[in-house]
Structures are given as C-alpha cells and as structure tokens.
Amino acid sequence: MALQINDLCVNCWACKPLCPNRAIYEALPHFLIDPAKCTECLGEFDEPQCAAICPIECCIVDELGEPLNPPGSLTGIAPEKMAETMSLLRAH
C-alpha cells in the first residue's frame, strides 16, 4: 500500500512538506515516494495529503496505477471537452 509519483511531476515542492511520514523525497527527474514509509495517510487524514495538494492531474497514482487526481478533476473540464478545445486551437 503505497502511492507513486510519476513522470508528470514538475517538482513544485507542494507535496513534500505535507507528507506526515516523510515518504516523499527529491530524486531525478522528479520527486518519488518511499513505499516503505507511505501509508497513504491512513489513520491521520481522510485523503492522502500529497494528492490533496498536487496541482498536476494524474501525477500521483495508487498501487493499481489509477490517478488520485484524474483528468478534469482539478480543472473541472471534462477530458473530452479539453481534447475538442485543444483540437480547435491547433487548427487556427
């Protein structure tokens, strides 16, 4: 039971100071989570603090690879609408 930070991470430092277990550490090219220390904040918080503060959608995933902040969850824009809009922008 541990979360992972993937290569979408931009090293913004938002998550590192919030981790109650000090499981997040600096690495190249992006931050990582030590699986031996990560408890997903169970028993301390209602949700993992790293995912609660992360400004990048799909950056933090669970053990199944499912993003804790899926596409559209932070922007409020449905992925289909975003793809449509980006397509229109590229056409101009």
PDB file of N, CA and C in Angstrom:
ATOM      1  N   MET A   1       0.836  -1.169   0.000  1.00  0.00           N
ATOM      2  CA  MET A   1       0.000   0.000   0.000  1.00  0.00           C
ATOM      3  C   MET A   1       0.887   1.241   0.000  1.00  0.00           C
ATOM      4  N   ALA A   2       1.106   1.775  -1.182  1.00  0.00           N
ATOM      5  CA  ALA A   2       1.895   2.998  -1.304  1.00  0.00           C
ATOM      6  C   ALA A   2       1.518   3.704  -2.593  1.00  0.00           C
ATOM      7  N   LEU A   3       1.563   4.994  -2.534  1.00  0.00           N
ATOM      8  CA  LEU A   3       1.305   5.804  -3.711  1.00  0.00           C
ATOM      9  C   LEU A   3       2.599   5.988  -4.472  1.00  0.00           C
ATOM     10  N   GLN A   4       2.467   6.442  -5.727  1.00  0.00           N
ATOM     11  CA  GLN A   4       3.641   6.715  -6.543  1.00  0.00           C
ATOM     12  C   GLN A   4       3.483   8.069  -7.210  1.00  0.00           C
ATOM     13  N   ILE A   5       4.597   8.731  -7.401  1.00  0.00           N
ATOM     14  CA  ILE A   5       4.642   9.966  -8.174  1.00  0.00           C
ATOM     15  C   ILE A   5       5.251   9.592  -9.513  1.00  0.00           C
ATOM     16  N   ASN A   6       4.566   9.932 -10.598  1.00  0.00           N
ATOM     17  CA  ASN A   6       5.077   9.558 -11.917  1.00  0.00           C
ATOM     18  C   ASN A   6       5.812  10.717 -12.595  1.00  0.00           C
ATOM     19  N   ASP A   7       6.164  10.509 -13.850  1.00  0.00           N
ATOM     20  CA  ASP A   7       6.993  11.487 -14.552  1.00  0.00           C
ATOM     21  C   ASP A   7       6.251  12.756 -14.968  1.00  0.00           C
ATOM     22  N   LEU A   8       4.982  12.887 -14.622  1.00  0.00           N
ATOM     23  CA  LEU A   8       4.285  14.152 -14.848  1.00  0.00           C
ATOM     24  C   LEU A   8       4.669  15.197 -13.807  1.00  0.00           C
ATOM     25  N   CYS A   9       5.304  14.767 -12.732  1.00  0.00           N
ATOM     26  CA  CYS A   9       5.713  15.652 -11.643  1.00  0.00           C
ATOM     27  C   CYS A   9       6.634  16.761 -12.172  1.00  0.00           C
ATOM     28  N   VAL A  10       6.359  17.998 -11.732  1.00  0.00           N
ATOM     29  CA  VAL A  10       7.165  19.143 -12.146  1.00  0.00           C
ATOM     30  C   VAL A  10       8.042  19.675 -11.002  1.00  0.00           C
ATOM     31  N   ASN A  11       8.159  18.886  -9.924  1.00  0.00           N
ATOM     32  CA  ASN A  11       8.974  19.276  -8.772  1.00  0.00           C
ATOM     33  C   ASN A  11       8.579  20.641  -8.217  1.00  0.00           C
ATOM     34  N   CYS A  12       7.294  20.817  -7.997  1.00  0.00           N
ATOM     35  CA  CYS A  12       6.816  22.109  -7.492  1.00  0.00           C
ATOM     36  C   CYS A  12       6.976  22.245  -5.982  1.00  0.00           C
ATOM     37  N   TRP A  13       7.290  21.162  -5.295  1.00  0.00           N
ATOM     38  CA  TRP A  13       7.518  21.124  -3.847  1.00  0.00           C
ATOM     39  C   TRP A  13       6.231  21.232  -3.019  1.00  0.00           C
ATOM     40  N   ALA A  14       5.065  21.205  -3.619  1.00  0.00           N
ATOM     41  CA  ALA A  14       3.825  21.336  -2.848  1.00  0.00           C
ATOM     42  C   ALA A  14       3.621  20.153  -1.915  1.00  0.00           C
ATOM     43  N   CYS A  15       3.934  18.954  -2.360  1.00  0.00           N
ATOM     44  CA  CYS A  15       3.631  17.748  -1.596  1.00  0.00           C
ATOM     45  C   CYS A  15       4.637  17.418  -0.493  1.00  0.00           C
ATOM     46  N   LYS A  16       5.894  17.668  -0.755  1.00  0.00           N
ATOM     47  CA  LYS A  16       6.945  17.201   0.152  1.00  0.00           C
ATOM     48  C   LYS A  16       6.754  17.636   1.606  1.00  0.00           C
ATOM     49  N   PRO A  17       6.501  18.912   1.881  1.00  0.00           N
ATOM     50  CA  PRO A  17       6.364  19.309   3.287  1.00  0.00           C
ATOM     51  C   PRO A  17       5.079  18.814   3.957  1.00  0.00           C
ATOM     52  N   LEU A  18       4.095  18.388   3.180  1.00  0.00           N
ATOM     53  CA  LEU A  18       2.827  17.934   3.754  1.00  0.00           C
ATOM     54  C   LEU A  18       2.811  16.467   4.147  1.00  0.00           C
ATOM     55  N   CYS A  19       3.750  15.699   3.682  1.00  0.00           N
ATOM     56  CA  CYS A  19       3.747  14.257   3.950  1.00  0.00           C
ATOM     57  C   CYS A  19       4.039  13.998   5.428  1.00  0.00           C
ATOM     58  N   PRO A  20       3.065  13.418   6.149  1.00  0.00           N
ATOM     59  CA  PRO A  20       3.268  13.195   7.582  1.00  0.00           C
ATOM     60  C   PRO A  20       4.301  12.106   7.888  1.00  0.00           C
ATOM     61  N   ASN A  21       4.612  11.286   6.898  1.00  0.00           N
ATOM     62  CA  ASN A  21       5.561  10.193   7.104  1.00  0.00           C
ATOM     63  C   ASN A  21       6.935  10.453   6.489  1.00  0.00           C
ATOM     64  N   ARG A  22       7.090  11.633   5.925  1.00  0.00           N
ATOM     65  CA  ARG A  22       8.345  11.994   5.243  1.00  0.00           C
ATOM     66  C   ARG A  22       8.730  10.948   4.197  1.00  0.00           C
ATOM     67  N   ALA A  23       7.716  10.497   3.495  1.00  0.00           N
ATOM     68  CA  ALA A  23       7.928   9.457   2.475  1.00  0.00           C
ATOM     69  C   ALA A  23       8.324  10.040   1.128  1.00  0.00           C
ATOM     70  N   ILE A  24       8.124  11.323   0.930  1.00  0.00           N
ATOM     71  CA  ILE A  24       8.431  11.962  -0.354  1.00  0.00           C
ATOM     72  C   ILE A  24       9.847  12.513  -0.300  1.00  0.00           C
ATOM     73  N   TYR A  25      10.610  12.188  -1.341  1.00  0.00           N
ATOM     74  CA  TYR A  25      11.992  12.651  -1.367  1.00  0.00           C
ATOM     75  C   TYR A  25      12.378  13.131  -2.763  1.00  0.00           C
ATOM     76  N   GLU A  26      13.403  13.967  -2.789  1.00  0.00           N
ATOM     77  CA  GLU A  26      13.909  14.503  -4.045  1.00  0.00           C
ATOM     78  C   GLU A  26      14.662  13.423  -4.804  1.00  0.00           C
ATOM     79  N   ALA A  27      14.409  13.363  -6.087  1.00  0.00           N
ATOM     80  CA  ALA A  27      15.116  12.447  -6.973  1.00  0.00           C
ATOM     81  C   ALA A  27      15.092  13.068  -8.365  1.00  0.00           C
ATOM     82  N   LEU A  28      15.856  12.511  -9.244  1.00  0.00           N
ATOM     83  CA  LEU A  28      15.847  12.990 -10.628  1.00  0.00           C
ATOM     84  C   LEU A  28      15.119  11.986 -11.492  1.00  0.00           C
ATOM     85  N   PRO A  29      14.268  12.378 -12.366  1.00  0.00           N
ATOM     86  CA  PRO A  29      13.953  13.759 -12.737  1.00  0.00           C
ATOM     87  C   PRO A  29      12.816  14.376 -11.941  1.00  0.00           C
ATOM     88  N   HIS A  30      12.215  13.641 -10.999  1.00  0.00           N
ATOM     89  CA  HIS A  30      11.090  14.177 -10.234  1.00  0.00           C
ATOM     90  C   HIS A  30      11.055  13.554  -8.844  1.00  0.00           C
ATOM     91  N   PHE A  31      10.226  14.101  -7.973  1.00  0.00           N
ATOM     92  CA  PHE A  31      10.076  13.552  -6.625  1.00  0.00           C
ATOM     93  C   PHE A  31       9.579  12.113  -6.681  1.00  0.00           C
ATOM     94  N   LEU A  32       9.884  11.360  -5.643  1.00  0.00           N
ATOM     95  CA  LEU A  32       9.429   9.974  -5.529  1.00  0.00           C
ATOM     96  C   LEU A  32       8.863   9.747  -4.136  1.00  0.00           C
ATOM     97  N   ILE A  33       8.135   8.634  -3.984  1.00  0.00           N
ATOM     98  CA  ILE A  33       7.578   8.256  -2.693  1.00  0.00           C
ATOM     99  C   ILE A  33       8.216   6.948  -2.253  1.00  0.00           C
ATOM    100  N   ASP A  34       8.749   6.935  -1.052  1.00  0.00           N
ATOM    101  CA  ASP A  34       9.331   5.724  -0.484  1.00  0.00           C
ATOM    102  C   ASP A  34       8.188   4.800  -0.055  1.00  0.00           C
ATOM    103  N   PRO A  35       8.030   3.647  -0.731  1.00  0.00           N
ATOM    104  CA  PRO A  35       6.903   2.766  -0.407  1.00  0.00           C
ATOM    105  C   PRO A  35       6.967   2.186   1.002  1.00  0.00           C
ATOM    106  N   ALA A  36       8.138   2.123   1.586  1.00  0.00           N
ATOM    107  CA  ALA A  36       8.270   1.609   2.951  1.00  0.00           C
ATOM    108  C   ALA A  36       7.734   2.605   3.987  1.00  0.00           C
ATOM    109  N   LYS A  37       7.650   3.878   3.617  1.00  0.00           N
ATOM    110  CA  LYS A  37       7.181   4.907   4.545  1.00  0.00           C
ATOM    111  C   LYS A  37       5.751   5.368   4.262  1.00  0.00           C
ATOM    112  N   CYS A  38       5.285   5.201   3.031  1.00  0.00           N
ATOM    113  CA  CYS A  38       3.971   5.710   2.641  1.00  0.00           C
ATOM    114  C   CYS A  38       2.847   4.858   3.226  1.00  0.00           C
ATOM    115  N   THR A  39       1.933   5.517   3.919  1.00  0.00           N
ATOM    116  CA  THR A  39       0.749   4.843   4.473  1.00  0.00           C
ATOM    117  C   THR A  39      -0.525   5.358   3.809  1.00  0.00           C
ATOM    118  N   GLU A  40      -0.376   6.168   2.772  1.00  0.00           N
ATOM    119  CA  GLU A  40      -1.491   6.837   2.100  1.00  0.00           C
ATOM    120  C   GLU A  40      -2.260   7.711   3.092  1.00  0.00           C
ATOM    121  N   CYS A  41      -1.594   8.096   4.165  1.00  0.00           N
ATOM    122  CA  CYS A  41      -2.129   8.956   5.225  1.00  0.00           C
ATOM    123  C   CYS A  41      -3.271   8.301   6.000  1.00  0.00           C
ATOM    124  N   LEU A  42      -3.420   6.997   5.871  1.00  0.00           N
ATOM    125  CA  LEU A  42      -4.479   6.293   6.607  1.00  0.00           C
ATOM    126  C   LEU A  42      -4.274   6.454   8.104  1.00  0.00           C
ATOM    127  N   GLY A  43      -5.361   6.749   8.795  1.00  0.00           N
ATOM    128  CA  GLY A  43      -5.306   6.936  10.239  1.00  0.00           C
ATOM    129  C   GLY A  43      -4.942   8.346  10.656  1.00  0.00           C
ATOM    130  N   GLU A  44      -4.501   9.164   9.701  1.00  0.00           N
ATOM    131  CA  GLU A  44      -4.122  10.533  10.028  1.00  0.00           C
ATOM    132  C   GLU A  44      -4.996  11.569   9.333  1.00  0.00           C
ATOM    133  N   PHE A  45      -5.344  11.279   8.072  1.00  0.00           N
ATOM    134  CA  PHE A  45      -6.133  12.206   7.260  1.00  0.00           C
ATOM    135  C   PHE A  45      -7.165  11.430   6.452  1.00  0.00           C
ATOM    136  N   ASP A  46      -8.199  12.128   5.999  1.00  0.00           N
ATOM    137  CA  ASP A  46      -9.237  11.492   5.190  1.00  0.00           C
ATOM    138  C   ASP A  46      -8.759  11.151   3.785  1.00  0.00           C
ATOM    139  N   GLU A  47      -7.753  11.877   3.309  1.00  0.00           N
ATOM    140  CA  GLU A  47      -7.206  11.631   1.980  1.00  0.00           C
ATOM    141  C   GLU A  47      -5.701  11.840   1.999  1.00  0.00           C
ATOM    142  N   PRO A  48      -4.988  11.215   1.078  1.00  0.00           N
ATOM    143  CA  PRO A  48      -3.536  11.418   1.023  1.00  0.00           C
ATOM    144  C   PRO A  48      -3.216  12.899   0.806  1.00  0.00           C
ATOM    145  N   GLN A  49      -2.378  13.419   1.655  1.00  0.00           N
ATOM    146  CA  GLN A  49      -2.070  14.841   1.606  1.00  0.00           C
ATOM    147  C   GLN A  49      -1.321  15.245   0.339  1.00  0.00           C
ATOM    148  N   CYS A  50      -0.495  14.364  -0.184  1.00  0.00           N
ATOM    149  CA  CYS A  50       0.240  14.693  -1.417  1.00  0.00           C
ATOM    150  C   CYS A  50      -0.727  14.900  -2.579  1.00  0.00           C
ATOM    151  N   ALA A  51      -1.728  14.029  -2.697  1.00  0.00           N
ATOM    152  CA  ALA A  51      -2.703  14.144  -3.779  1.00  0.00           C
ATOM    153  C   ALA A  51      -3.633  15.331  -3.552  1.00  0.00           C
ATOM    154  N   ALA A  52      -3.933  15.638  -2.292  1.00  0.00           N
ATOM    155  CA  ALA A  52      -4.826  16.747  -1.989  1.00  0.00           C
ATOM    156  C   ALA A  52      -4.229  18.088  -2.411  1.00  0.00           C
ATOM    157  N   ILE A  53      -2.905  18.200  -2.386  1.00  0.00           N
ATOM    158  CA  ILE A  53      -2.260  19.472  -2.708  1.00  0.00           C
ATOM    159  C   ILE A  53      -1.673  19.498  -4.129  1.00  0.00           C
ATOM    160  N   CYS A  54      -1.482  18.347  -4.740  1.00  0.00           N
ATOM    161  CA  CYS A  54      -0.810  18.283  -6.046  1.00  0.00           C
ATOM    162  C   CYS A  54      -1.580  19.051  -7.120  1.00  0.00           C
ATOM    163  N   PRO A  55      -0.902  19.992  -7.803  1.00  0.00           N
ATOM    164  CA  PRO A  55      -1.569  20.786  -8.834  1.00  0.00           C
ATOM    165  C   PRO A  55      -1.543  20.138 -10.228  1.00  0.00           C
ATOM    166  N   ILE A  56      -1.000  18.938 -10.325  1.00  0.00           N
ATOM    167  CA  ILE A  56      -0.862  18.269 -11.623  1.00  0.00           C
ATOM    168  C   ILE A  56      -1.775  17.048 -11.685  1.00  0.00           C
ATOM    169  N   GLU A  57      -2.721  17.063 -12.611  1.00  0.00           N
ATOM    170  CA  GLU A  57      -3.622  15.928 -12.758  1.00  0.00           C
ATOM    171  C   GLU A  57      -2.841  14.687 -13.195  1.00  0.00           C
ATOM    172  N   CYS A  58      -3.206  13.546 -12.629  1.00  0.00           N
ATOM    173  CA  CYS A  58      -2.643  12.227 -12.962  1.00  0.00           C
ATOM    174  C   CYS A  58      -1.201  12.034 -12.513  1.00  0.00           C
ATOM    175  N   CYS A  59      -0.672  12.907 -11.702  1.00  0.00           N
ATOM    176  CA  CYS A  59       0.718  12.833 -11.259  1.00  0.00           C
ATOM    177  C   CYS A  59       0.933  11.817 -10.146  1.00  0.00           C
ATOM    178  N   ILE A  60      -0.029  11.678  -9.250  1.00  0.00           N
ATOM    179  CA  ILE A  60       0.094  10.747  -8.130  1.00  0.00           C
ATOM    180  C   ILE A  60      -0.911   9.627  -8.334  1.00  0.00           C
ATOM    181  N   VAL A  61      -0.391   8.399  -8.340  1.00  0.00           N
ATOM    182  CA  VAL A  61      -1.233   7.241  -8.628  1.00  0.00           C
ATOM    183  C   VAL A  61      -1.197   6.244  -7.471  1.00  0.00           C
ATOM    184  N   ASP A  62      -2.247   5.425  -7.394  1.00  0.00           N
ATOM    185  CA  ASP A  62      -2.296   4.386  -6.363  1.00  0.00           C
ATOM    186  C   ASP A  62      -1.549   3.140  -6.836  1.00  0.00           C
ATOM    187  N   GLU A  63      -1.615   2.070  -6.040  1.00  0.00           N
ATOM    188  CA  GLU A  63      -0.867   0.850  -6.369  1.00  0.00           C
ATOM    189  C   GLU A  63      -1.352   0.180  -7.648  1.00  0.00           C
ATOM    190  N   LEU A  64      -2.548   0.530  -8.120  1.00  0.00           N
ATOM    191  CA  LEU A  64      -3.071  -0.016  -9.378  1.00  0.00           C
ATOM    192  C   LEU A  64      -2.763   0.890 -10.562  1.00  0.00           C
ATOM    193  N   GLY A  65      -2.105   2.008 -10.297  1.00  0.00           N
ATOM    194  CA  GLY A  65      -1.774   2.953 -11.359  1.00  0.00           C
ATOM    195  C   GLY A  65      -2.895   3.932 -11.669  1.00  0.00           C
ATOM    196  N   GLU A  66      -3.938   3.935 -10.832  1.00  0.00           N
ATOM    197  CA  GLU A  66      -5.063   4.853 -11.026  1.00  0.00           C
ATOM    198  C   GLU A  66      -4.718   6.213 -10.429  1.00  0.00           C
ATOM    199  N   PRO A  67      -4.890   7.288 -11.191  1.00  0.00           N
ATOM    200  CA  PRO A  67      -4.567   8.616 -10.659  1.00  0.00           C
ATOM    201  C   PRO A  67      -5.519   9.046  -9.560  1.00  0.00           C
ATOM    202  N   LEU A  68      -4.970   9.658  -8.521  1.00  0.00           N
ATOM    203  CA  LEU A  68      -5.793  10.180  -7.443  1.00  0.00           C
ATOM    204  C   LEU A  68      -6.461  11.486  -7.856  1.00  0.00           C
ATOM    205  N   ASN A  69      -5.862  12.198  -8.780  1.00  0.00           N
ATOM    206  CA  ASN A  69      -6.444  13.402  -9.382  1.00  0.00           C
ATOM    207  C   ASN A  69      -6.585  13.119 -10.882  1.00  0.00           C
ATOM    208  N   PRO A  70      -7.660  12.425 -11.290  1.00  0.00           N
ATOM    209  CA  PRO A  70      -7.815  12.053 -12.699  1.00  0.00           C
ATOM    210  C   PRO A  70      -8.033  13.261 -13.601  1.00  0.00           C
ATOM    211  N   PRO A  71      -7.914  13.078 -14.903  1.00  0.00           N
ATOM    212  CA  PRO A  71      -8.117  14.188 -15.840  1.00  0.00           C
ATOM    213  C   PRO A  71      -9.450  14.889 -15.591  1.00  0.00           C
ATOM    214  N   GLY A  72      -9.407  16.193 -15.513  1.00  0.00           N
ATOM    215  CA  GLY A  72     -10.599  17.003 -15.304  1.00  0.00           C
ATOM    216  C   GLY A  72     -10.928  17.277 -13.846  1.00  0.00           C
ATOM    217  N   SER A  73     -10.305  16.543 -12.932  1.00  0.00           N
ATOM    218  CA  SER A  73     -10.653  16.712 -11.518  1.00  0.00           C
ATOM    219  C   SER A  73     -10.188  18.043 -10.938  1.00  0.00           C
ATOM    220  N   LEU A  74      -9.124  18.583 -11.439  1.00  0.00           N
ATOM    221  CA  LEU A  74      -8.614  19.850 -10.911  1.00  0.00           C
ATOM    222  C   LEU A  74      -9.080  21.053 -11.718  1.00  0.00           C
ATOM    223  N   THR A  75      -9.246  20.856 -13.019  1.00  0.00           N
ATOM    224  CA  THR A  75      -9.666  21.964 -13.878  1.00  0.00           C
ATOM    225  C   THR A  75     -11.174  22.087 -13.980  1.00  0.00           C
ATOM    226  N   GLY A  76     -11.883  20.978 -13.744  1.00  0.00           N
ATOM    227  CA  GLY A  76     -13.325  20.981 -13.921  1.00  0.00           C
ATOM    228  C   GLY A  76     -13.729  20.842 -15.372  1.00  0.00           C
ATOM    229  N   ILE A  77     -12.753  20.615 -16.244  1.00  0.00           N
ATOM    230  CA  ILE A  77     -13.019  20.465 -17.673  1.00  0.00           C
ATOM    231  C   ILE A  77     -12.961  18.984 -18.018  1.00  0.00           C
ATOM    232  N   ALA A  78     -14.034  18.481 -18.571  1.00  0.00           N
ATOM    233  CA  ALA A  78     -14.067  17.067 -18.958  1.00  0.00           C
ATOM    234  C   ALA A  78     -12.988  16.799 -19.995  1.00  0.00           C
ATOM    235  N   PRO A  79     -12.299  15.646 -19.900  1.00  0.00           N
ATOM    236  CA  PRO A  79     -11.220  15.337 -20.848  1.00  0.00           C
ATOM    237  C   PRO A  79     -11.653  15.431 -22.313  1.00  0.00           C
ATOM    238  N   GLU A  80     -12.882  15.016 -22.607  1.00  0.00           N
ATOM    239  CA  GLU A  80     -13.370  15.085 -23.990  1.00  0.00           C
ATOM    240  C   GLU A  80     -13.475  16.533 -24.464  1.00  0.00           C
ATOM    241  N   LYS A  81     -13.971  17.398 -23.598  1.00  0.00           N
ATOM    242  CA  LYS A  81     -14.099  18.818 -23.933  1.00  0.00           C
ATOM    243  C   LYS A  81     -12.723  19.458 -24.096  1.00  0.00           C
ATOM    244  N   MET A  82     -11.779  19.076 -23.247  1.00  0.00           N
ATOM    245  CA  MET A  82     -10.417  19.602 -23.355  1.00  0.00           C
ATOM    246  C   MET A  82      -9.797  19.183 -24.685  1.00  0.00           C
ATOM    247  N   ALA A  83      -9.955  17.927 -25.067  1.00  0.00           N
ATOM    248  CA  ALA A  83      -9.401  17.438 -26.334  1.00  0.00           C
ATOM    249  C   ALA A  83     -10.028  18.181 -27.513  1.00  0.00           C
ATOM    250  N   GLU A  84     -11.323  18.388 -27.457  1.00  0.00           N
ATOM    251  CA  GLU A  84     -12.027  19.112 -28.524  1.00  0.00           C
ATOM    252  C   GLU A  84     -11.519  20.539 -28.642  1.00  0.00           C
ATOM    253  N   THR A  85     -11.379  21.205 -27.504  1.00  0.00           N
ATOM    254  CA  THR A  85     -10.906  22.587 -27.493  1.00  0.00           C
ATOM    255  C   THR A  85      -9.473  22.686 -27.990  1.00  0.00           C
ATOM    256  N   MET A  86      -8.617  21.776 -27.540  1.00  0.00           N
ATOM    257  CA  MET A  86      -7.222  21.794 -27.993  1.00  0.00           C
ATOM    258  C   MET A  86      -7.134  21.549 -29.488  1.00  0.00           C
ATOM    259  N   SER A  87      -7.974  20.683 -30.001  1.00  0.00           N
ATOM    260  CA  SER A  87      -8.010  20.422 -31.434  1.00  0.00           C
ATOM    261  C   SER A  87      -8.396  21.679 -32.213  1.00  0.00           C
ATOM    262  N   LEU A  88      -9.389  22.389 -31.710  1.00  0.00           N
ATOM    263  CA  LEU A  88      -9.808  23.643 -32.353  1.00  0.00           C
ATOM    264  C   LEU A  88      -8.704  24.683 -32.291  1.00  0.00           C
ATOM    265  N   LEU A  89      -8.016  24.784 -31.183  1.00  0.00           N
ATOM    266  CA  LEU A  89      -6.929  25.752 -31.049  1.00  0.00           C
ATOM    267  C   LEU A  89      -5.788  25.443 -32.020  1.00  0.00           C
ATOM    268  N   ARG A  90      -5.460  24.176 -32.162  1.00  0.00           N
ATOM    269  CA  ARG A  90      -4.378  23.787 -33.067  1.00  0.00           C
ATOM    270  C   ARG A  90      -4.741  24.060 -34.520  1.00  0.00           C
ATOM    271  N   ALA A  91      -6.031  24.018 -34.839  1.00  0.00           N
ATOM    272  CA  ALA A  91      -6.488  24.244 -36.215  1.00  0.00           C
ATOM    273  C   ALA A  91      -6.349  25.698 -36.645  1.00  0.00           C
ATOM    274  N   HIS A  92      -6.262  26.597 -35.669  1.00  0.00           N
ATOM    275  CA  HIS A  92      -6.181  28.024 -36.008  1.00  0.00           C
ATOM    276  C   HIS A  92      -4.785  28.459 -36.062  1.00  0.00           C
TER     277      HIS A  92
END
